[in-house]
Every structure is written in C-alpha cells, then in structure tokens.
Amino acid sequence: MPRADLVVYNIGELVTFRGGPTPRPSPETAGILRNAAVAFRGGRIIEVGPTGWIRARYSAPEWVDAGSRLATPGLVDMHTHALFAGSREDEFEAKLMGASYSEILARGGGIYRTIEATRRSSRRELLRLLLERLYRMLEGGTTVVEVKTGYALEPRLEVEHLSIIREAGGLTPQLVVPTLLAHVPPREGDRGAYIESFKAAIREAARRRLAVYFDVFCDRGAFTPEESKALLLEAHRAGLRLRMHADQLEYMGCSLVAAEAGVDSVDHLEVMPPENATALAKARVVAGLLPTSILAMMQAERPPVDSLRRAGVPIAVGSDYNPNNMTPLAQTAMQVAPYILKLTPMEALAAVTVNAAASLGLEGVSGRVAPGFRGDLVVWDAEDYRWLTYEWGWNKALYVIAAGRVVVSESRLIVKPVLM
C-alpha cells in the first residue's frame, strides 16, 4: 500500500481548478469534486480522488476529516507591502475628515512617513514584524505570499530589505515570493542619478539571487512611463521577472508600458481606459486588482472589469497590505471583491488561487489542487464555495495545509513564528 504523509478526506465540495489561469472561471470549469480526498507526500499533492478510493489506497500517519465541508487551493496573495514599520492611523482619520492623499503627503505623511519609520528600525525588528504578519496571513488561509520592498528609498537598503524577506521565507511554512520595488523617487535631488543607482540595485539583487521579481510604481507622484521602461528593461536584462503598479491615480499610459514590457502582472488599474484591456490580453498579462485598496483610498474609480473579461485577461486579486491599507488577509480581499469589483463568487475564488498563482509565475506550482502541485489546501467552515463571499467579515479557514503540513487546525494556529 502506498504511503502518504497526510490525507484530507470527506471533503464535501473540492474546488480543484483543473485548468490553468482562466479569464472567465465558472462552476462548470472549476473542476468541482464531491466527497473527495487529497493525499500529500513530501510537501506536495500526490493524488486527488473520491474519499473511498484514497482511503483504501493509502496509509498515512495523519488523517484530517473535513466533515463534508468545502476545500479549495491555498490562497495566493499576489500583491503585498508587508515589510514596513510604523503606522498611520491618524492619516486614516484625516482622510475621513476630507483630507486628500496629496494633502497628507504635503504634510510629510504618506509613503515618506513609512519610509522614515522603516529606515529607523533594526533588521531584527523588521524581521519580527514581517513574520508576525505572515503568520496572521497563514491563519486566514494564505499559503503563498508576494512581499515587496519599497520603504527604504535608498536603493542599497532596498536590496538589504530583500534579504529580510528571504530570511522570513525560510521561517514560515508559506512560499514567500520576494519583489524588489521601485516605489517612489526621493522628493529632492537628481532623478536621473537615482534611476541609475536603482539600476545598480537591480543588478545586485539579481546577482545575489535575493529577488524573483522587479516591480515599479508608474503613476503620478511616482515614476514616469519613460523611467519605468528604463528600470523594467534593466531588470529584464538582469534576469528578474517583471510586474508593475499602474493606472491607480492618474492615467499616464502606464498600463500600455506594462503590455509592451511583457510583465507577468499589472496591478491596480483603477483609471485604466477600457480599450487597453486588448493590449494586456495580447501580451498575456494578468490584471492584479486590489479591492481593499480602493476602499482604503476611498476612490470612486473602478478597474474596467467587464472589458478585461471580454478581452480574455485573467483577473487576480491581492490584499495590497500596507500602512495605508491594513488588510493582511487575501481572504478579506476575496470576500469584498464581488461587492467592489462585481466579480462572481467563482471569479473571486479563482482570483486568489489559480489566477493569482499565474500572476506570480507559479501556474505549474500553486493555485490548484492537482498531483505534483505544492501541498496547499484550505478546508473552510462552509459547505459551498458561494458562502466564501456571500457571508463575510470573519475568518472561515478551519484547516490550513501548507506544503503538506497541517498548520491551522480547527481555526487555531498550531505553528508559531520563531521571532515572537
């Protein structure tokens, strides 16, 4: 009898996403299995099938009875700024009183305030904060997390922050994807010289194998389309994969830069013209939409979801966890996506699993429940996938399996971060 390390059985409804990234997921294409079981060995899924078949076929030291509940792939948070220090709760209150983000920036707040707090923090403190956040995400079912730099400003320090992200990735059961982010330029000084110093940081991050991705914030108050092109080209030459922030605040043509550069994911898109969706589809770019960011920014604009659907652009959803959007759970982003973006429940689920994995270049590794994939699974306190977004506002993750290991059991975290 073959041996497994773990078997999860008696799954009432298992959403497998048997295909790859999909622009228009539906219950008919989602690969839903009934009364199913999943066997894990060596940190990966080795077989998926009917409960009776899996139970008769495998021996295992650990068995988890899903109690006829819903199970899905582990959640993939494809866009976070989780490495930072400090807080800006007073700015939240100021926004509610009518202050614009530009006004807050002029007062010395916003991103630059977080940069100051982050630069003052020790390496150990930043590592502790990041681990604490990663484990909170894990409790909510997030088993793959992209983490960006971006709050150091000084390019060499951004590279050192990548090493913190790498270290944290070795101390959590999650798969952590490190991204070097060119977030904002200095408020004063020679922008050309800064761009050249950031190019050197890109080369250093690639040489030391600290980053998987390079990201640039192309928008008003950040980097221009021309500056973004130069940085993306440098990162491509260095061997890094590419992603972008684009068209969040003001349309400057940034989403077209993303299509030209061949990025894996272009994120935000709140003010993108609908006709640009065709260019993204031709370039096989994933659209990363961030509904909780829209809430936090109190924006009226919405990404052109219908145009993205019609063009065939896969839609991913991320938490955009940052000091201006203190929402650490991809589960929360999934829950509000139907209300903010008008995604269907199945679209929202695909957006934080199979499509989010594709946005991180992990389409053959994560985001699906299939043999050979990373052993990530969430058993939810629900029996039907529609309840994940129909009833929301609380953590529904009952069991979380990360890399073939039970890390949350009956909604209780049973692994702990090292530096707490």
Protein backbone atom coordinates (compact mmCIF):
# COMPACT_ATOMS: atom_id res chain seq x y z
CA MET A 1 0.00 0.00 0.00
CA PRO A 2 1.47 3.40 -0.97
CA ARG A 3 2.25 5.71 1.94
CA ALA A 4 1.21 9.33 2.26
CA ASP A 5 2.29 11.83 4.92
CA LEU A 6 -1.23 13.24 5.25
CA VAL A 7 -4.69 12.57 3.86
CA VAL A 8 -7.58 15.04 4.00
CA TYR A 9 -10.82 13.15 3.34
CA ASN A 10 -14.59 13.52 3.47
CA ILE A 11 -14.43 16.83 1.57
CA GLY A 12 -18.00 17.67 0.62
CA GLU A 13 -17.06 20.08 -2.18
CA LEU A 14 -13.49 20.35 -3.52
CA VAL A 15 -12.69 23.15 -5.99
CA THR A 16 -9.58 21.99 -7.86
CA PHE A 17 -9.22 24.46 -10.79
CA ARG A 18 -8.05 21.67 -13.05
CA GLY A 19 -7.14 24.10 -15.86
CA GLY A 20 -4.59 26.90 -15.83
CA PRO A 21 -5.28 30.60 -15.32
CA THR A 22 -8.70 31.47 -16.64
CA PRO A 23 -10.28 34.78 -17.70
CA ARG A 24 -13.83 33.59 -17.06
CA PRO A 25 -13.94 30.90 -14.38
CA SER A 26 -17.28 29.24 -13.74
CA PRO A 27 -18.58 26.32 -11.67
CA GLU A 28 -18.56 24.24 -14.87
CA THR A 29 -14.83 24.84 -15.50
CA ALA A 30 -13.64 24.85 -11.88
CA GLY A 31 -13.18 21.10 -11.53
CA ILE A 32 -15.51 20.66 -8.55
CA LEU A 33 -15.39 17.19 -6.97
CA ARG A 34 -17.83 15.80 -4.39
CA ASN A 35 -16.98 13.54 -1.44
CA ALA A 36 -13.30 13.91 -2.30
CA ALA A 37 -9.94 13.34 -0.65
CA VAL A 38 -6.42 14.67 -1.15
CA ALA A 39 -3.20 12.77 -0.34
CA PHE A 40 0.08 14.58 0.39
CA ARG A 41 3.69 13.42 0.49
CA GLY A 42 6.98 15.31 0.61
CA GLY A 43 5.25 18.67 0.74
CA ARG A 44 3.26 18.07 -2.46
CA ILE A 45 -0.08 16.70 -3.54
CA ILE A 46 0.28 13.14 -4.80
CA GLU A 47 -3.33 12.17 -5.55
CA VAL A 48 -6.84 13.62 -5.66
CA GLY A 49 -9.93 11.44 -5.92
CA PRO A 50 -13.02 10.00 -4.25
CA THR A 51 -12.74 9.54 -0.50
CA GLY A 52 -13.37 5.80 -0.69
CA TRP A 53 -10.63 5.30 -3.28
CA ILE A 54 -7.99 7.40 -1.44
CA ARG A 55 -8.75 5.83 1.96
CA ALA A 56 -8.49 2.32 0.57
CA ARG A 57 -5.32 3.08 -1.41
CA TYR A 58 -3.10 4.95 1.08
CA SER A 59 -1.70 4.52 4.55
CA ALA A 60 -0.78 7.70 6.39
CA PRO A 61 0.23 8.76 9.92
CA GLU A 62 -2.14 11.74 9.83
CA TRP A 63 -5.75 11.91 8.66
CA VAL A 64 -7.97 15.00 8.65
CA ASP A 65 -11.74 14.59 8.38
CA ALA A 66 -13.10 17.63 6.54
CA GLY A 67 -16.59 16.90 7.82
CA SER A 68 -18.24 17.28 4.40
CA ARG A 69 -17.06 20.89 4.20
CA LEU A 70 -15.69 22.95 1.33
CA ALA A 71 -11.98 22.76 0.41
CA THR A 72 -10.02 24.87 -2.07
CA PRO A 73 -6.41 25.53 -3.02
CA GLY A 74 -4.46 27.59 -0.51
CA LEU A 75 -4.87 31.30 -1.10
CA VAL A 76 -2.19 33.16 -3.05
CA ASP A 77 -1.67 36.81 -2.08
CA MET A 78 -0.06 38.24 -5.20
CA HIS A 79 0.46 41.83 -4.00
CA THR A 80 1.63 42.88 -0.52
CA HIS A 81 3.85 45.55 1.03
CA ALA A 82 4.18 43.61 4.28
CA LEU A 83 7.74 44.72 5.16
CA PHE A 84 7.35 48.04 6.95
CA ALA A 85 7.46 49.69 10.36
CA GLY A 86 5.26 52.30 11.96
CA SER A 87 1.61 53.13 11.44
CA ARG A 88 -0.55 55.93 10.03
CA GLU A 89 -3.86 55.61 11.82
CA ASP A 90 -4.08 59.41 12.21
CA GLU A 91 -3.98 59.75 8.42
CA PHE A 92 -6.96 57.40 8.15
CA GLU A 93 -8.88 59.76 10.40
CA ALA A 94 -7.70 62.77 8.37
CA LYS A 95 -8.97 61.17 5.15
CA LEU A 96 -12.36 60.68 6.78
CA MET A 97 -12.35 64.39 7.61
CA GLY A 98 -11.80 65.24 3.95
CA ALA A 99 -8.02 65.43 3.54
CA SER A 100 -6.73 64.17 0.18
CA TYR A 101 -3.73 61.87 -0.12
CA SER A 102 -1.83 64.72 -1.83
CA GLU A 103 -2.51 66.96 1.18
CA ILE A 104 -1.31 64.24 3.54
CA LEU A 105 1.88 63.86 1.51
CA ALA A 106 2.45 67.63 1.64
CA ARG A 107 2.25 67.45 5.45
CA GLY A 108 5.09 64.90 5.47
CA GLY A 109 2.84 61.87 5.71
CA GLY A 110 2.03 59.00 3.39
CA ILE A 111 4.71 56.76 1.93
CA TYR A 112 7.56 59.00 3.04
CA ARG A 113 6.46 58.78 6.67
CA THR A 114 6.56 54.99 6.49
CA ILE A 115 9.97 55.18 4.83
CA GLU A 116 11.30 57.14 7.81
CA ALA A 117 9.88 54.65 10.34
CA THR A 118 11.17 51.66 8.39
CA ARG A 119 14.66 53.09 7.98
CA ARG A 120 14.86 53.70 11.76
CA SER A 121 14.03 50.07 12.55
CA SER A 122 16.60 47.34 13.10
CA ARG A 123 16.85 44.30 10.91
CA ARG A 124 15.63 42.09 13.75
CA GLU A 125 12.60 44.31 14.36
CA LEU A 126 11.65 44.31 10.69
CA LEU A 127 12.02 40.53 10.56
CA ARG A 128 9.85 40.16 13.65
CA LEU A 129 7.15 42.40 12.21
CA LEU A 130 7.16 40.59 8.88
CA LEU A 131 6.94 37.14 10.48
CA GLU A 132 4.09 38.27 12.69
CA ARG A 133 2.18 39.43 9.60
CA LEU A 134 2.95 36.30 7.60
CA TYR A 135 1.60 34.07 10.35
CA ARG A 136 -1.54 36.19 10.60
CA MET A 137 -1.99 35.68 6.86
CA LEU A 138 -1.43 31.95 7.32
CA GLU A 139 -4.28 31.78 9.84
CA GLY A 140 -6.55 33.17 7.14
CA GLY A 141 -5.57 30.54 4.57
CA THR A 142 -2.81 32.40 2.68
CA THR A 143 -0.15 29.83 1.79
CA VAL A 144 1.72 31.80 -0.90
CA VAL A 145 2.67 35.46 -0.36
CA GLU A 146 4.40 38.02 -2.54
CA VAL A 147 6.28 40.57 -0.38
CA LYS A 148 7.72 43.78 -1.80
CA THR A 149 10.40 46.12 -0.62
CA GLY A 150 9.74 49.81 -1.23
CA TYR A 151 10.01 51.57 2.12
CA ALA A 152 13.77 52.08 2.21
CA LEU A 153 14.05 54.64 -0.61
CA GLU A 154 17.83 54.22 -0.72
CA PRO A 155 18.44 51.55 -3.39
CA ARG A 156 21.17 49.70 -1.49
CA LEU A 157 18.94 49.47 1.58
CA GLU A 158 16.09 48.14 -0.60
CA VAL A 159 18.41 45.26 -1.52
CA GLU A 160 19.13 44.56 2.15
CA HIS A 161 15.39 44.53 2.84
CA LEU A 162 15.11 41.80 0.22
CA SER A 163 17.43 39.69 2.36
CA ILE A 164 15.00 40.12 5.28
CA ILE A 165 12.15 38.88 3.10
CA ARG A 166 14.29 35.90 2.05
CA GLU A 167 15.08 35.11 5.68
CA ALA A 168 11.42 35.30 6.68
CA GLY A 169 10.58 32.91 3.85
CA GLY A 170 12.79 30.31 5.49
CA LEU A 171 10.95 30.68 8.81
CA THR A 172 7.36 30.18 7.68
CA PRO A 173 5.52 27.26 6.03
CA GLN A 174 4.37 29.64 3.29
CA LEU A 175 6.02 30.12 -0.07
CA VAL A 176 7.27 33.73 0.01
CA VAL A 177 7.99 35.49 -3.30
CA PRO A 178 10.39 38.44 -2.83
CA THR A 179 9.97 41.51 -5.05
CA LEU A 180 12.28 44.50 -5.40
CA LEU A 181 10.01 47.53 -5.74
CA ALA A 182 10.90 50.97 -7.07
CA HIS A 183 8.14 52.66 -5.08
CA VAL A 184 8.71 56.41 -5.17
CA PRO A 185 11.70 58.62 -6.04
CA PRO A 186 13.24 60.98 -3.46
CA ARG A 187 11.37 64.24 -3.03
CA GLU A 188 14.53 66.18 -3.86
CA GLY A 189 17.71 65.53 -5.82
CA ASP A 190 18.76 64.32 -9.24
CA ARG A 191 16.14 61.85 -10.52
CA GLY A 192 18.45 60.65 -13.28
CA ALA A 193 21.14 59.75 -10.74
CA TYR A 194 18.54 57.98 -8.61
CA ILE A 195 17.38 55.90 -11.57
CA GLU A 196 20.98 54.86 -12.26
CA SER A 197 21.53 53.91 -8.61
CA PHE A 198 18.34 51.84 -8.69
CA LYS A 199 19.58 50.06 -11.80
CA ALA A 200 22.69 49.11 -9.82
CA ALA A 201 20.45 47.80 -7.03
CA ILE A 202 18.54 45.69 -9.55
CA ARG A 203 21.78 44.13 -10.75
CA GLU A 204 22.91 43.49 -7.16
CA ALA A 205 19.58 41.88 -6.20
CA ALA A 206 19.80 39.61 -9.23
CA ARG A 207 23.46 38.74 -8.64
CA ARG A 208 22.73 37.74 -5.01
CA ARG A 209 19.51 35.94 -6.05
CA LEU A 210 17.51 37.87 -3.49
CA ALA A 211 14.56 38.83 -5.71
CA VAL A 212 12.30 36.87 -8.00
CA TYR A 213 10.51 39.96 -9.32
CA PHE A 214 11.12 43.61 -10.03
CA ASP A 215 8.16 45.97 -9.68
CA VAL A 216 7.82 49.70 -10.41
CA PHE A 217 5.09 52.14 -9.39
CA CYS A 218 4.25 54.03 -12.58
CA ASP A 219 1.86 56.86 -11.73
CA ARG A 220 1.52 60.47 -10.70
CA GLY A 221 3.93 61.20 -7.85
CA ALA A 222 5.92 58.04 -8.56
CA PHE A 223 7.82 57.05 -11.73
CA THR A 224 7.05 58.25 -15.24
CA PRO A 225 6.40 55.82 -18.11
CA GLU A 226 9.88 56.56 -19.51
CA GLU A 227 11.58 55.97 -16.15
CA SER A 228 9.56 52.81 -15.65
CA LYS A 229 10.59 51.47 -19.07
CA ALA A 230 14.26 52.05 -18.28
CA LEU A 231 14.02 50.23 -14.94
CA LEU A 232 11.98 47.35 -16.37
CA LEU A 233 14.50 46.89 -19.18
CA GLU A 234 17.35 46.77 -16.67
CA ALA A 235 15.53 44.19 -14.58
CA HIS A 236 14.79 42.06 -17.66
CA ARG A 237 18.47 42.15 -18.64
CA ALA A 238 19.40 41.10 -15.09
CA GLY A 239 17.11 38.06 -15.29
CA LEU A 240 14.34 39.19 -12.94
CA ARG A 241 10.67 38.65 -13.73
CA LEU A 242 8.56 41.79 -14.11
CA ARG A 243 5.40 43.28 -12.63
CA MET A 244 4.00 46.80 -12.30
CA HIS A 245 1.78 49.15 -10.35
CA ALA A 246 -0.09 51.16 -12.99
CA ASP A 247 -3.05 53.47 -13.59
CA GLN A 248 -4.05 53.80 -9.96
CA LEU A 249 -4.27 57.57 -9.53
CA GLU A 250 -3.91 59.20 -12.95
CA TYR A 251 -3.75 57.78 -16.46
CA MET A 252 -0.28 58.32 -17.96
CA GLY A 253 -0.09 55.34 -20.31
CA CYS A 254 1.46 53.06 -17.69
CA SER A 255 -0.72 50.02 -18.46
CA LEU A 256 0.45 50.19 -22.10
CA VAL A 257 4.04 50.20 -20.83
CA ALA A 258 3.17 47.00 -18.94
CA ALA A 259 1.88 45.39 -22.14
CA GLU A 260 4.97 46.45 -24.10
CA ALA A 261 7.36 45.22 -21.41
CA GLY A 262 5.73 41.81 -21.14
CA VAL A 263 5.18 41.92 -17.39
CA ASP A 264 3.55 38.95 -15.66
CA SER A 265 1.15 41.14 -13.73
CA VAL A 266 -0.01 44.76 -13.87
CA ASP A 267 -1.79 45.84 -10.70
CA HIS A 268 -4.36 48.47 -9.65
CA LEU A 269 -5.78 49.74 -13.00
CA GLU A 270 -8.45 51.88 -11.32
CA VAL A 271 -8.20 54.56 -14.05
CA MET A 272 -7.14 52.38 -16.99
CA PRO A 273 -9.07 53.10 -20.21
CA PRO A 274 -11.20 50.06 -21.09
CA GLU A 275 -9.65 49.78 -24.56
CA ASN A 276 -6.23 48.98 -23.02
CA ALA A 277 -7.56 45.56 -21.98
CA THR A 278 -6.96 44.28 -25.53
CA ALA A 279 -3.25 45.14 -25.33
CA LEU A 280 -2.96 43.34 -21.98
CA ALA A 281 -4.66 40.25 -23.42
CA LYS A 282 -2.32 40.15 -26.43
CA ALA A 283 0.70 40.39 -24.10
CA ARG A 284 -0.73 37.61 -21.85
CA VAL A 285 -0.62 39.87 -18.80
CA VAL A 286 -2.60 39.11 -15.63
CA ALA A 287 -4.59 42.04 -14.19
CA GLY A 288 -3.99 42.29 -10.44
CA LEU A 289 -6.96 44.08 -8.87
CA LEU A 290 -6.91 45.34 -5.28
CA PRO A 291 -10.42 45.92 -3.91
CA THR A 292 -9.41 46.70 -0.32
CA SER A 293 -7.02 49.35 -1.62
CA ILE A 294 -9.95 51.02 -3.39
CA LEU A 295 -11.78 51.06 -0.07
CA ALA A 296 -8.77 52.39 1.84
CA MET A 297 -8.10 55.12 -0.73
CA MET A 298 -11.83 55.97 -0.78
CA GLN A 299 -11.70 56.00 -4.56
CA ALA A 300 -14.73 56.36 -6.79
CA GLU A 301 -12.91 54.86 -9.80
CA ARG A 302 -13.05 51.12 -10.53
CA PRO A 303 -10.96 48.95 -12.86
CA PRO A 304 -12.73 48.10 -16.17
CA VAL A 305 -13.64 44.56 -15.14
CA ASP A 306 -16.10 43.96 -17.98
CA SER A 307 -13.52 45.00 -20.58
CA LEU A 308 -10.90 42.74 -19.02
CA ARG A 309 -13.35 39.82 -19.12
CA ARG A 310 -14.29 40.43 -22.74
CA ALA A 311 -10.67 40.75 -23.80
CA GLY A 312 -9.76 37.48 -22.06
CA VAL A 313 -7.44 38.92 -19.39
CA PRO A 314 -7.17 36.68 -16.28
CA ILE A 315 -8.05 38.65 -13.14
CA ALA A 316 -6.12 38.15 -9.92
CA VAL A 317 -6.88 39.78 -6.58
CA GLY A 318 -4.42 40.70 -3.82
CA SER A 319 -4.67 42.25 -0.38
CA ASP A 320 -2.28 45.18 -1.07
CA TYR A 321 -1.43 45.02 2.64
CA ASN A 322 0.42 48.22 3.52
CA PRO A 323 0.29 51.02 6.14
CA ASN A 324 -2.41 52.80 4.13
CA ASN A 325 -4.48 49.60 3.74
CA MET A 326 -4.14 47.49 6.86
CA THR A 327 -5.79 44.38 5.44
CA PRO A 328 -3.46 41.40 5.82
CA LEU A 329 -5.77 38.68 4.52
CA ALA A 330 -6.23 37.65 0.91
CA GLN A 331 -9.43 36.09 2.25
CA THR A 332 -10.76 39.59 3.01
CA ALA A 333 -9.85 40.81 -0.48
CA MET A 334 -11.68 37.80 -1.92
CA GLN A 335 -14.71 38.44 0.28
CA VAL A 336 -15.15 42.06 -0.79
CA ALA A 337 -14.23 41.58 -4.47
CA PRO A 338 -17.83 40.85 -5.55
CA TYR A 339 -19.05 43.99 -3.81
CA ILE A 340 -16.29 46.34 -5.06
CA LEU A 341 -15.43 44.79 -8.44
CA LYS A 342 -18.64 42.88 -9.26
CA LEU A 343 -16.77 39.59 -9.54
CA THR A 344 -18.85 36.42 -9.22
CA PRO A 345 -18.07 34.18 -6.24
CA MET A 346 -16.17 31.78 -8.52
CA GLU A 347 -14.26 34.62 -10.17
CA ALA A 348 -13.27 35.92 -6.74
CA LEU A 349 -12.04 32.48 -5.66
CA ALA A 350 -10.07 31.95 -8.88
CA ALA A 351 -8.61 35.44 -8.46
CA VAL A 352 -6.93 34.49 -5.16
CA THR A 353 -5.86 30.99 -6.25
CA VAL A 354 -5.18 29.86 -9.82
CA ASN A 355 -5.05 33.33 -11.39
CA ALA A 356 -3.01 34.82 -8.55
CA ALA A 357 -0.51 31.97 -8.90
CA ALA A 358 -0.19 32.74 -12.62
CA SER A 359 0.46 36.40 -11.81
CA LEU A 360 3.50 35.22 -9.81
CA GLY A 361 4.76 32.81 -12.47
CA LEU A 362 3.62 29.84 -10.35
CA GLU A 363 0.94 28.40 -12.64
CA GLY A 364 2.58 24.96 -12.56
CA VAL A 365 3.34 25.10 -8.83
CA SER A 366 0.46 26.58 -6.87
CA GLY A 367 -3.16 27.71 -7.07
CA ARG A 368 -4.65 24.33 -8.00
CA VAL A 369 -5.37 21.02 -6.26
CA ALA A 370 -3.64 18.53 -8.53
CA PRO A 371 -0.86 15.91 -8.31
CA GLY A 372 2.59 17.48 -8.37
CA PHE A 373 1.41 20.84 -7.06
CA ARG A 374 2.56 22.34 -3.78
CA GLY A 375 0.67 20.73 -0.91
CA ASP A 376 -1.52 23.71 -0.04
CA LEU A 377 -5.21 23.31 0.85
CA VAL A 378 -7.80 25.16 2.93
CA VAL A 379 -10.82 23.47 4.50
CA TRP A 380 -13.42 26.15 5.11
CA ASP A 381 -16.18 26.47 7.66
CA ALA A 382 -18.65 26.35 4.77
CA GLU A 383 -20.16 23.71 2.52
CA ASP A 384 -20.49 25.69 -0.73
CA TYR A 385 -17.91 27.96 -2.42
CA ARG A 386 -20.51 30.74 -2.73
CA TRP A 387 -20.58 31.13 1.04
CA LEU A 388 -16.98 32.37 1.00
CA THR A 389 -18.23 35.70 -0.32
CA TYR A 390 -21.94 35.54 0.49
CA GLU A 391 -21.28 35.64 4.24
CA TRP A 392 -18.15 37.57 5.09
CA GLY A 393 -16.35 39.58 7.76
CA TRP A 394 -14.85 36.69 9.73
CA ASN A 395 -12.11 34.13 9.19
CA LYS A 396 -13.64 30.97 7.70
CA ALA A 397 -10.38 28.98 7.43
CA LEU A 398 -10.94 25.86 9.55
CA TYR A 399 -7.90 23.81 8.49
CA VAL A 400 -4.92 25.15 6.56
CA ILE A 401 -2.40 22.79 4.99
CA ALA A 402 0.82 24.44 3.77
CA ALA A 403 3.47 22.42 1.94
CA GLY A 404 1.74 19.20 3.02
CA ARG A 405 1.63 20.09 6.70
CA VAL A 406 -1.38 20.99 8.86
CA VAL A 407 -0.58 24.47 10.20
CA VAL A 408 -4.06 25.59 11.26
CA SER A 409 -6.34 23.07 12.93
CA GLU A 410 -9.95 23.84 13.76
CA SER A 411 -9.22 27.56 13.27
CA ARG A 412 -6.27 27.50 15.69
CA LEU A 413 -2.72 28.23 14.56
CA ILE A 414 -0.58 25.25 15.61
CA VAL A 415 2.75 26.51 14.29
CA LYS A 416 4.44 29.59 15.69
CA PRO A 417 6.87 32.12 14.23
CA VAL A 418 10.41 31.87 15.52
CA LEU A 419 10.98 35.52 16.44
CA MET A 420 7.98 36.41 18.59
